C-alpha atoms as a PDB file:
ATOM      1  CA  MET A   1     101.527 139.080 116.101  1.00  0.00           C
ATOM      2  CA  ALA A   2      98.556 136.777 116.579  1.00  0.00           C
ATOM      3  CA  ARG A   3      98.228 133.631 114.541  1.00  0.00           C
ATOM      4  CA  PRO A   4      95.651 133.631 111.758  1.00  0.00           C
ATOM      5  CA  PRO A   5      92.223 132.306 112.819  1.00  0.00           C
ATOM      6  CA  ILE A   6      92.489 129.487 110.279  1.00  0.00           C
ATOM      7  CA  THR A   7      93.574 125.963 111.169  1.00  0.00           C
ATOM      8  CA  ASN A   8      94.265 123.110 108.798  1.00  0.00           C
ATOM      9  CA  GLN A   9      94.683 119.379 108.347  1.00  0.00           C
ATOM     10  CA  ILE A  10      97.620 119.517 105.919  1.00  0.00           C
ATOM     11  CA  ARG A  11      99.967 117.404 108.038  1.00  0.00           C
ATOM     12  CA  ARG A  12      97.337 114.666 108.442  1.00  0.00           C
ATOM     13  CA  LEU A  13      96.483 114.765 104.741  1.00  0.00           C
ATOM     14  CA  ARG A  14     100.149 114.537 103.754  1.00  0.00           C
ATOM     15  CA  PHE A  15     100.543 111.512 106.013  1.00  0.00           C
ATOM     16  CA  GLU A  16      97.459 109.862 104.495  1.00  0.00           C
ATOM     17  CA  HIS A  17      98.843 110.428 100.982  1.00  0.00           C
ATOM     18  CA  ASN A  18     101.875 108.160 101.165  1.00  0.00           C
ATOM     19  CA  GLU A  19     103.569 110.385 103.737  1.00  0.00           C
ATOM     20  CA  MET A  20     103.972 113.165 101.161  1.00  0.00           C
ATOM     21  CA  THR A  21     106.736 115.562 102.135  1.00  0.00           C
ATOM     22  CA  GLN A  22     106.308 119.305 102.438  1.00  0.00           C
ATOM     23  CA  GLN A  23     108.604 119.645  99.425  1.00  0.00           C
ATOM     24  CA  GLU A  24     106.459 117.311  97.308  1.00  0.00           C
ATOM     25  CA  LEU A  25     103.348 119.302  98.200  1.00  0.00           C
ATOM     26  CA  ALA A  26     105.171 122.562  97.486  1.00  0.00           C
ATOM     27  CA  ASP A  27     106.235 121.293  94.052  1.00  0.00           C
ATOM     28  CA  ARG A  28     102.672 120.272  93.216  1.00  0.00           C
ATOM     29  CA  ILE A  29     101.154 123.628  94.162  1.00  0.00           C
ATOM     30  CA  GLY A  30     103.959 125.883  92.908  1.00  0.00           C
ATOM     31  CA  MET A  31     105.165 127.210  96.261  1.00  0.00           C
ATOM     32  CA  THR A  32     108.278 126.852  98.386  1.00  0.00           C
ATOM     33  CA  ARG A  33     108.640 124.251 101.112  1.00  0.00           C
ATOM     34  CA  GLN A  34     109.056 127.068 103.631  1.00  0.00           C
ATOM     35  CA  THR A  35     105.683 128.537 102.647  1.00  0.00           C
ATOM     36  CA  VAL A  36     104.001 125.140 102.964  1.00  0.00           C
ATOM     37  CA  ALA A  37     105.586 124.702 106.411  1.00  0.00           C
ATOM     38  CA  SER A  38     104.337 128.136 107.502  1.00  0.00           C
ATOM     39  CA  ILE A  39     100.802 127.365 106.308  1.00  0.00           C
ATOM     40  CA  GLU A  40     100.866 123.924 107.925  1.00  0.00           C
ATOM     41  CA  HIS A  41     101.982 125.368 111.275  1.00  0.00           C
ATOM     42  CA  ASN A  42      99.302 128.103 111.144  1.00  0.00           C
ATOM     43  CA  LYS A  43     101.868 130.903 110.920  1.00  0.00           C
ATOM     44  CA  TYR A  44     100.563 132.063 107.561  1.00  0.00           C
ATOM     45  CA  SER A  45      97.174 131.968 105.851  1.00  0.00           C
ATOM     46  CA  PRO A  46      97.310 130.867 102.212  1.00  0.00           C
ATOM     47  CA  SER A  47      95.749 132.812  99.386  1.00  0.00           C
ATOM     48  CA  LEU A  48      92.412 131.472  98.237  1.00  0.00           C
ATOM     49  CA  GLU A  49      94.062 130.121  95.088  1.00  0.00           C
ATOM     50  CA  ALA A  50      96.739 128.310  97.104  1.00  0.00           C
ATOM     51  CA  ALA A  51      94.105 126.863  99.431  1.00  0.00           C
ATOM     52  CA  PHE A  52      92.176 125.467  96.467  1.00  0.00           C
ATOM     53  CA  ARG A  53      95.389 124.041  94.968  1.00  0.00           C
ATOM     54  CA  ILE A  54      96.190 122.280  98.236  1.00  0.00           C
ATOM     55  CA  ALA A  55      92.678 120.822  98.477  1.00  0.00           C
ATOM     56  CA  GLU A  56      92.806 119.726  94.837  1.00  0.00           C
ATOM     57  CA  THR A  57      96.149 117.998  95.399  1.00  0.00           C
ATOM     58  CA  PHE A  58      94.571 115.868  98.124  1.00  0.00           C
ATOM     59  CA  GLY A  59      91.307 115.367  96.213  1.00  0.00           C
ATOM     60  CA  VAL A  60      89.141 116.792  98.979  1.00  0.00           C
ATOM     61  CA  PRO A  61      86.880 119.836  99.355  1.00  0.00           C
ATOM     62  CA  ILE A  62      88.598 122.945 100.706  1.00  0.00           C
ATOM     63  CA  GLY A  63      86.492 122.669 103.880  1.00  0.00           C
ATOM     64  CA  GLU A  64      88.223 119.380 104.720  1.00  0.00           C
ATOM     65  CA  VAL A  65      91.628 121.081 104.656  1.00  0.00           C
ATOM     66  CA  PHE A  66      91.004 124.473 106.241  1.00  0.00           C
ATOM     67  CA  PHE A  67      88.832 125.493 109.184  1.00  0.00           C
ATOM     68  CA  TRP A  68      87.870 128.900 110.529  1.00  0.00           C
ATOM     69  CA  LYS A  69      88.648 129.177 114.229  1.00  0.00           C
ATOM     70  CA  ALA A  70      86.359 131.919 115.512  1.00  0.00           C
ATOM     71  CA  GLU A  71      87.601 133.951 118.438  1.00  0.00           C
ATOM     72  CA  GLU A  72      85.779 133.843 121.728  1.00  0.00           C
ATOM     73  CA  PRO A  73      83.764 137.014 122.284  1.00  0.00           C
ATOM     74  CA  ARG A  74      85.408 139.299 124.821  1.00  0.00           C
ATOM     75  CA  LYS A  75      83.463 140.096 127.949  1.00  0.00           C
END
């Protein structure tokens, strides 16, 4: 299965926020640590609500956390 075409800056943002752990982020957004790890490693795309919760936790716009990675057109 291909990875979702969404990348993120969660790891960097956690580091910049007092080296927040995945568990601390999970507790703040109401998810499991495993789900946060999957999102962070681009194995899973979060729901829109979860994406907004993550952005709100870091105090940044959603576009500073998540990025659309468009596929190259096939020739």
